[in-house]
Structure formats: structure tokens, C-alpha cells
Amino acid sequence: MKKAVLAFFLIFSAGAVFPQDRASLPEEYKKDFIEIDYSNAQIVDHSVYGVMILSLDRWKNWLIRSSIIAMVFATLVILFISIPKDNELNIMLAYAITGAMFSVAFWETLAGWMLTRLSQNLYGTLIMAASILMYAAFYVSLIKIKKTDLSFSSIKESFQKMSQMAKEDPRLVSVSGLPGDWEKEDFVK
């Protein structure tokens, strides 16, 4: 029912607003017509969404997106390299950056997959190969931060063990220095 009403409205309103012959229009309105060339488009009659006009140059947009994703990945690698891994906060930040590196590499994979779906197999496989290199860089950075984290935690544990193993004489334990700590030698009394 809705389609019939819509079709009726479109047929009669389009005829009233846009007359078929340009000759009956004044000169000032003749130049306002826009002509669209569909030679570089694909017209799809979808059963759910209706008629869709898709550009055949969509693959160029995906190629640009994948290059932007690669630049973001390079920025993350530079950030990862430049962070000193000498305290726990920087190590946590490095873990977060490696997680972001993984998700960016996954986005690059999806961009390459979309290029192959748009019949640009050469670009798609090149982008997927670049994403494999991104996964390798992610893995190397994760292993590096894990080694740094393990060495940092082992150094911390060794200092804790040294402090526990050093059995100090209870007489040498520091005191607060208030009167009454050394009852026998307290000169204030």
C-alpha cells in the first residue's frame, strides 16, 4: 500500500515539478538542470533497500583508508619505540599501545579484504601482505615489552628478597627517636 501511494505521488508530482520538455521552461531555469552520467556507476536493484547506485571507484576510497591506517600504525610503532620502559606506568602504556597496534593491523586486514571484494585483487593482496607485516611488528613489540616486564619484575623481586634475607640485628632497627625509646639511656628523665 505504501509503495503504491509513493509511486502515485512520485509520478504526478514529478510531472508537475519537472516538466518533460525543456523548451517550455524559461531560460533562467534551463541552466539549473543537473545531468548525471551513470557510466562509472553500478545500479543495483536490492530486494530490501531498493535501487542503489554504487560508484565503481569505491576501491580508491578503500585504498586511501588503508594508507591512512598504515600511517596510524607507523605512528604507534614510533610511540612504542620512544617510550622508556623503566617503570610500571610506562610498561602499562606500552601494553596499551601494542593492543592498539593489533587492532590497527586488523583494520588493515579488513581494508585489504574489502579491496578484494571490490575486484581489486592486486591492491587487496598487497594490503593484506602489509597487514601480515603489521601483525609481525605487533608480535615483536609484544615479546619485547614482555621481556622488559619480566626483567623489571625480576629485579623488583630480587630487591624484595634481598630485603627479606638481610636479617638485621633488632638492636640496629631504626627507632623514632622520641624520649622513652631507650629507657636505660634516656637522658631526658
C-alpha atoms as a PDB file:
ATOM      1  CA  MET A   1       0.000   0.000   0.000  1.00  0.00           C
ATOM      2  CA  LYS A   2       2.787   2.408   0.929  1.00  0.00           C
ATOM      3  CA  LYS A   3       4.621   1.708  -2.308  1.00  0.00           C
ATOM      4  CA  ALA A   4       1.515   2.359  -4.366  1.00  0.00           C
ATOM      5  CA  VAL A   5       0.897   5.705  -2.655  1.00  0.00           C
ATOM      6  CA  LEU A   6       4.555   6.639  -3.032  1.00  0.00           C
ATOM      7  CA  ALA A   7       4.565   5.701  -6.715  1.00  0.00           C
ATOM      8  CA  PHE A   8       1.376   7.700  -7.320  1.00  0.00           C
ATOM      9  CA  PHE A   9       2.879  10.713  -5.556  1.00  0.00           C
ATOM     10  CA  LEU A  10       6.165  10.495  -7.448  1.00  0.00           C
ATOM     11  CA  ILE A  11       4.531  10.107 -10.861  1.00  0.00           C
ATOM     12  CA  PHE A  12       2.193  13.050 -10.547  1.00  0.00           C
ATOM     13  CA  SER A  13       4.457  15.375  -8.549  1.00  0.00           C
ATOM     14  CA  ALA A  14       7.475  14.781 -10.760  1.00  0.00           C
ATOM     15  CA  GLY A  15       5.384  15.612 -13.823  1.00  0.00           C
ATOM     16  CA  ALA A  16       4.199  18.839 -12.228  1.00  0.00           C
ATOM     17  CA  VAL A  17       7.542  19.992 -10.859  1.00  0.00           C
ATOM     18  CA  PHE A  18       9.844  18.756 -13.603  1.00  0.00           C
ATOM     19  CA  PRO A  19       8.186  19.016 -16.983  1.00  0.00           C
ATOM     20  CA  GLN A  20       9.484  16.674 -19.644  1.00  0.00           C
ATOM     21  CA  ASP A  21      10.320  19.263 -22.240  1.00  0.00           C
ATOM     22  CA  ARG A  22      12.875  21.935 -21.552  1.00  0.00           C
ATOM     23  CA  ALA A  23      11.524  24.165 -24.257  1.00  0.00           C
ATOM     24  CA  SER A  24       8.550  25.211 -22.141  1.00  0.00           C
ATOM     25  CA  LEU A  25      10.836  26.455 -19.349  1.00  0.00           C
ATOM     26  CA  PRO A  26      12.155  29.999 -19.115  1.00  0.00           C
ATOM     27  CA  GLU A  27      15.856  30.486 -19.894  1.00  0.00           C
ATOM     28  CA  GLU A  28      16.793  31.146 -16.279  1.00  0.00           C
ATOM     29  CA  TYR A  29      15.617  27.656 -15.223  1.00  0.00           C
ATOM     30  CA  LYS A  30      17.177  25.785 -18.117  1.00  0.00           C
ATOM     31  CA  LYS A  31      20.678  26.246 -16.746  1.00  0.00           C
ATOM     32  CA  ASP A  32      19.701  24.824 -13.326  1.00  0.00           C
ATOM     33  CA  PHE A  33      19.317  21.275 -14.608  1.00  0.00           C
ATOM     34  CA  ILE A  34      21.902  18.816 -13.418  1.00  0.00           C
ATOM     35  CA  GLU A  35      22.826  15.948 -15.658  1.00  0.00           C
ATOM     36  CA  ILE A  36      24.272  12.841 -14.079  1.00  0.00           C
ATOM     37  CA  ASP A  37      26.351  10.375 -16.021  1.00  0.00           C
ATOM     38  CA  TYR A  38      25.982   6.805 -14.765  1.00  0.00           C
ATOM     39  CA  SER A  39      28.712   5.366 -16.973  1.00  0.00           C
ATOM     40  CA  ASN A  40      31.010   4.934 -13.953  1.00  0.00           C
ATOM     41  CA  ALA A  41      28.342   3.513 -11.646  1.00  0.00           C
ATOM     42  CA  GLN A  42      26.673   0.241 -10.916  1.00  0.00           C
ATOM     43  CA  ILE A  43      22.908   0.256 -10.459  1.00  0.00           C
ATOM     44  CA  VAL A  44      21.761  -2.475  -8.079  1.00  0.00           C
ATOM     45  CA  ASP A  45      18.121  -3.386  -7.519  1.00  0.00           C
ATOM     46  CA  HIS A  46      18.262  -4.712  -3.962  1.00  0.00           C
ATOM     47  CA  SER A  47      15.280  -6.610  -2.594  1.00  0.00           C
ATOM     48  CA  VAL A  48      15.379  -4.862   0.790  1.00  0.00           C
ATOM     49  CA  TYR A  49      16.999  -1.472   0.205  1.00  0.00           C
ATOM     50  CA  GLY A  50      15.592  -0.787  -3.256  1.00  0.00           C
ATOM     51  CA  VAL A  51      17.557   0.691  -6.127  1.00  0.00           C
ATOM     52  CA  MET A  52      21.093   1.691  -5.176  1.00  0.00           C
ATOM     53  CA  ILE A  53      23.633   3.480  -7.322  1.00  0.00           C
ATOM     54  CA  LEU A  54      27.171   2.433  -6.415  1.00  0.00           C
ATOM     55  CA  SER A  55      30.265   4.082  -7.788  1.00  0.00           C
ATOM     56  CA  LEU A  56      32.817   1.834  -9.446  1.00  0.00           C
ATOM     57  CA  ASP A  57      35.588   3.975  -7.927  1.00  0.00           C
ATOM     58  CA  ARG A  58      34.851   2.941  -4.334  1.00  0.00           C
ATOM     59  CA  TRP A  59      38.072   0.976  -4.285  1.00  0.00           C
ATOM     60  CA  LYS A  60      40.034   4.242  -4.386  1.00  0.00           C
ATOM     61  CA  ASN A  61      38.447   5.274  -1.099  1.00  0.00           C
ATOM     62  CA  TRP A  62      39.447   1.971   0.479  1.00  0.00           C
ATOM     63  CA  LEU A  63      42.983   2.370  -0.830  1.00  0.00           C
ATOM     64  CA  ILE A  64      43.207   5.799   0.797  1.00  0.00           C
ATOM     65  CA  ARG A  65      41.754   4.410   4.030  1.00  0.00           C
ATOM     66  CA  SER A  66      44.313   1.625   4.122  1.00  0.00           C
ATOM     67  CA  SER A  67      47.168   4.090   3.614  1.00  0.00           C
ATOM     68  CA  ILE A  68      45.842   6.223   6.482  1.00  0.00           C
ATOM     69  CA  ILE A  69      45.628   3.096   8.654  1.00  0.00           C
ATOM     70  CA  ALA A  70      49.242   2.272   7.756  1.00  0.00           C
ATOM     71  CA  MET A  71      50.289   5.782   8.821  1.00  0.00           C
ATOM     72  CA  VAL A  72      48.486   5.358  12.151  1.00  0.00           C
ATOM     73  CA  PHE A  73      50.315   2.062  12.640  1.00  0.00           C
ATOM     74  CA  ALA A  74      53.660   3.715  11.905  1.00  0.00           C
ATOM     75  CA  THR A  75      52.824   6.395  14.475  1.00  0.00           C
ATOM     76  CA  LEU A  76      52.042   3.724  17.066  1.00  0.00           C
ATOM     77  CA  VAL A  77      55.346   1.985  16.344  1.00  0.00           C
ATOM     78  CA  ILE A  78      57.211   5.277  16.809  1.00  0.00           C
ATOM     79  CA  LEU A  79      55.378   5.870  20.102  1.00  0.00           C
ATOM     80  CA  PHE A  80      56.209   2.356  21.265  1.00  0.00           C
ATOM     81  CA  ILE A  81      59.887   2.783  20.481  1.00  0.00           C
ATOM     82  CA  SER A  82      60.119   6.220  22.095  1.00  0.00           C
ATOM     83  CA  ILE A  83      58.578   5.251  25.451  1.00  0.00           C
ATOM     84  CA  PRO A  84      61.207   4.404  28.062  1.00  0.00           C
ATOM     85  CA  LYS A  85      60.300   1.117  29.682  1.00  0.00           C
ATOM     86  CA  ASP A  86      61.777   1.836  33.087  1.00  0.00           C
ATOM     87  CA  ASN A  87      58.722   1.971  35.341  1.00  0.00           C
ATOM     88  CA  GLU A  88      55.419   0.199  35.655  1.00  0.00           C
ATOM     89  CA  LEU A  89      53.311   3.036  34.270  1.00  0.00           C
ATOM     90  CA  ASN A  90      55.303   3.166  31.021  1.00  0.00           C
ATOM     91  CA  ILE A  91      55.127  -0.616  30.723  1.00  0.00           C
ATOM     92  CA  MET A  92      51.326  -0.489  31.059  1.00  0.00           C
ATOM     93  CA  LEU A  93      51.229   2.267  28.438  1.00  0.00           C
ATOM     94  CA  ALA A  94      53.393   0.138  26.140  1.00  0.00           C
ATOM     95  CA  TYR A  95      50.966  -2.779  26.569  1.00  0.00           C
ATOM     96  CA  ALA A  96      48.094  -0.461  25.617  1.00  0.00           C
ATOM     97  CA  ILE A  97      49.985   0.715  22.527  1.00  0.00           C
ATOM     98  CA  THR A  98      50.645  -2.871  21.447  1.00  0.00           C
ATOM     99  CA  GLY A  99      46.924  -3.608  21.807  1.00  0.00           C
ATOM    100  CA  ALA A 100      46.181  -0.606  19.604  1.00  0.00           C
ATOM    101  CA  MET A 101      48.762  -1.909  17.127  1.00  0.00           C
ATOM    102  CA  PHE A 102      46.891  -5.211  16.913  1.00  0.00           C
ATOM    103  CA  SER A 103      43.539  -3.539  16.270  1.00  0.00           C
ATOM    104  CA  VAL A 104      45.031  -1.249  13.620  1.00  0.00           C
ATOM    105  CA  ALA A 105      46.601  -4.280  11.904  1.00  0.00           C
ATOM    106  CA  PHE A 106      43.199  -5.951  11.969  1.00  0.00           C
ATOM    107  CA  TRP A 107      41.629  -2.858  10.363  1.00  0.00           C
ATOM    108  CA  GLU A 108      44.265  -3.045   7.645  1.00  0.00           C
ATOM    109  CA  THR A 109      43.314  -6.674   7.034  1.00  0.00           C
ATOM    110  CA  LEU A 110      39.673  -5.683   6.677  1.00  0.00           C
ATOM    111  CA  ALA A 111      40.593  -2.894   4.232  1.00  0.00           C
ATOM    112  CA  GLY A 112      42.527  -5.400   2.106  1.00  0.00           C
ATOM    113  CA  TRP A 113      39.625  -7.827   2.234  1.00  0.00           C
ATOM    114  CA  MET A 114      37.242  -5.075   1.115  1.00  0.00           C
ATOM    115  CA  LEU A 115      39.540  -4.243  -1.801  1.00  0.00           C
ATOM    116  CA  THR A 116      39.437  -7.871  -2.936  1.00  0.00           C
ATOM    117  CA  ARG A 117      35.631  -7.799  -2.703  1.00  0.00           C
ATOM    118  CA  LEU A 118      35.619  -4.721  -4.942  1.00  0.00           C
ATOM    119  CA  SER A 119      37.535  -6.702  -7.623  1.00  0.00           C
ATOM    120  CA  GLN A 120      40.873  -5.028  -6.947  1.00  0.00           C
ATOM    121  CA  ASN A 121      42.755  -8.228  -6.157  1.00  0.00           C
ATOM    122  CA  LEU A 122      46.258  -6.850  -6.639  1.00  0.00           C
ATOM    123  CA  TYR A 123      45.767  -3.972  -4.216  1.00  0.00           C
ATOM    124  CA  GLY A 124      43.858  -6.199  -1.835  1.00  0.00           C
ATOM    125  CA  THR A 125      46.620  -8.791  -1.623  1.00  0.00           C
ATOM    126  CA  LEU A 126      49.253  -6.066  -1.229  1.00  0.00           C
ATOM    127  CA  ILE A 127      47.317  -4.519   1.634  1.00  0.00           C
ATOM    128  CA  MET A 128      46.806  -7.931   3.261  1.00  0.00           C
ATOM    129  CA  ALA A 129      50.537  -8.626   2.937  1.00  0.00           C
ATOM    130  CA  ALA A 130      51.201  -5.281   4.628  1.00  0.00           C
ATOM    131  CA  SER A 131      48.806  -6.273   7.396  1.00  0.00           C
ATOM    132  CA  ILE A 132      50.757  -9.521   7.888  1.00  0.00           C
ATOM    133  CA  LEU A 133      53.881  -7.396   8.362  1.00  0.00           C
ATOM    134  CA  MET A 134      51.918  -5.303  10.853  1.00  0.00           C
ATOM    135  CA  TYR A 135      50.955  -8.437  12.787  1.00  0.00           C
ATOM    136  CA  ALA A 136      54.641  -9.431  12.836  1.00  0.00           C
ATOM    137  CA  ALA A 137      55.629  -5.994  14.167  1.00  0.00           C
ATOM    138  CA  PHE A 138      52.895  -6.290  16.793  1.00  0.00           C
ATOM    139  CA  TYR A 139      54.220  -9.701  17.862  1.00  0.00           C
ATOM    140  CA  VAL A 140      57.813  -8.493  18.080  1.00  0.00           C
ATOM    141  CA  SER A 141      56.808  -5.462  20.135  1.00  0.00           C
ATOM    142  CA  LEU A 142      54.688  -7.624  22.439  1.00  0.00           C
ATOM    143  CA  ILE A 143      57.576 -10.032  23.023  1.00  0.00           C
ATOM    144  CA  LYS A 144      59.918  -7.089  23.658  1.00  0.00           C
ATOM    145  CA  ILE A 145      57.614  -5.485  26.207  1.00  0.00           C
ATOM    146  CA  LYS A 146      57.023  -8.845  27.860  1.00  0.00           C
ATOM    147  CA  LYS A 147      60.776  -9.414  28.240  1.00  0.00           C
ATOM    148  CA  THR A 148      61.145  -5.917  29.657  1.00  0.00           C
ATOM    149  CA  ASP A 149      58.255  -6.529  32.030  1.00  0.00           C
ATOM    150  CA  LEU A 150      59.704  -9.851  33.193  1.00  0.00           C
ATOM    151  CA  SER A 151      63.162  -8.370  33.748  1.00  0.00           C
ATOM    152  CA  PHE A 152      61.666  -5.382  35.572  1.00  0.00           C
ATOM    153  CA  SER A 153      59.583  -7.651  37.821  1.00  0.00           C
ATOM    154  CA  SER A 154      62.543  -9.987  38.442  1.00  0.00           C
ATOM    155  CA  ILE A 155      64.705  -7.034  39.511  1.00  0.00           C
ATOM    156  CA  LYS A 156      61.915  -5.863  41.796  1.00  0.00           C
ATOM    157  CA  GLU A 157      61.532  -9.351  43.296  1.00  0.00           C
ATOM    158  CA  SER A 158      65.284  -9.662  43.822  1.00  0.00           C
ATOM    159  CA  PHE A 159      65.320  -6.408  45.787  1.00  0.00           C
ATOM    160  CA  GLN A 160      62.413  -7.662  47.874  1.00  0.00           C
ATOM    161  CA  LYS A 161      64.200 -10.957  48.545  1.00  0.00           C
ATOM    162  CA  MET A 162      67.391  -9.111  49.488  1.00  0.00           C
ATOM    163  CA  SER A 163      65.490  -7.012  51.982  1.00  0.00           C
ATOM    164  CA  GLN A 164      63.871 -10.114  53.459  1.00  0.00           C
ATOM    165  CA  MET A 165      67.096 -12.128  53.570  1.00  0.00           C
ATOM    166  CA  ALA A 166      69.093  -9.431  55.259  1.00  0.00           C
ATOM    167  CA  LYS A 167      68.344 -10.299  58.831  1.00  0.00           C
ATOM    168  CA  GLU A 168      69.173  -7.203  60.710  1.00  0.00           C
ATOM    169  CA  ASP A 169      70.035  -7.121  64.339  1.00  0.00           C
ATOM    170  CA  PRO A 170      66.909  -5.952  66.145  1.00  0.00           C
ATOM    171  CA  ARG A 171      69.109  -3.525  68.081  1.00  0.00           C
ATOM    172  CA  LEU A 172      70.002  -1.774  64.813  1.00  0.00           C
ATOM    173  CA  VAL A 173      66.425  -1.271  63.684  1.00  0.00           C
ATOM    174  CA  SER A 174      65.710   2.399  63.378  1.00  0.00           C
ATOM    175  CA  VAL A 175      63.691   3.993  66.103  1.00  0.00           C
ATOM    176  CA  SER A 176      61.592   7.106  66.063  1.00  0.00           C
ATOM    177  CA  GLY A 177      63.956   8.974  68.410  1.00  0.00           C
ATOM    178  CA  LEU A 178      61.265  10.047  70.859  1.00  0.00           C
ATOM    179  CA  PRO A 179      62.013  10.015  74.594  1.00  0.00           C
ATOM    180  CA  GLY A 180      61.282   6.645  76.052  1.00  0.00           C
ATOM    181  CA  ASP A 181      62.652   4.558  73.186  1.00  0.00           C
ATOM    182  CA  TRP A 182      65.860   3.824  75.141  1.00  0.00           C
ATOM    183  CA  GLU A 183      64.657   3.647  78.646  1.00  0.00           C
ATOM    184  CA  LYS A 184      68.012   2.904  80.230  1.00  0.00           C
ATOM    185  CA  GLU A 185      69.952   5.539  78.318  1.00  0.00           C
ATOM    186  CA  ASP A 186      67.221   8.167  78.290  1.00  0.00           C
ATOM    187  CA  PHE A 187      68.920  11.351  79.431  1.00  0.00           C
ATOM    188  CA  VAL A 188      65.715  13.392  79.419  1.00  0.00           C
ATOM    189  CA  LYS A 189      64.484  11.676  82.582  1.00  0.00           C
END
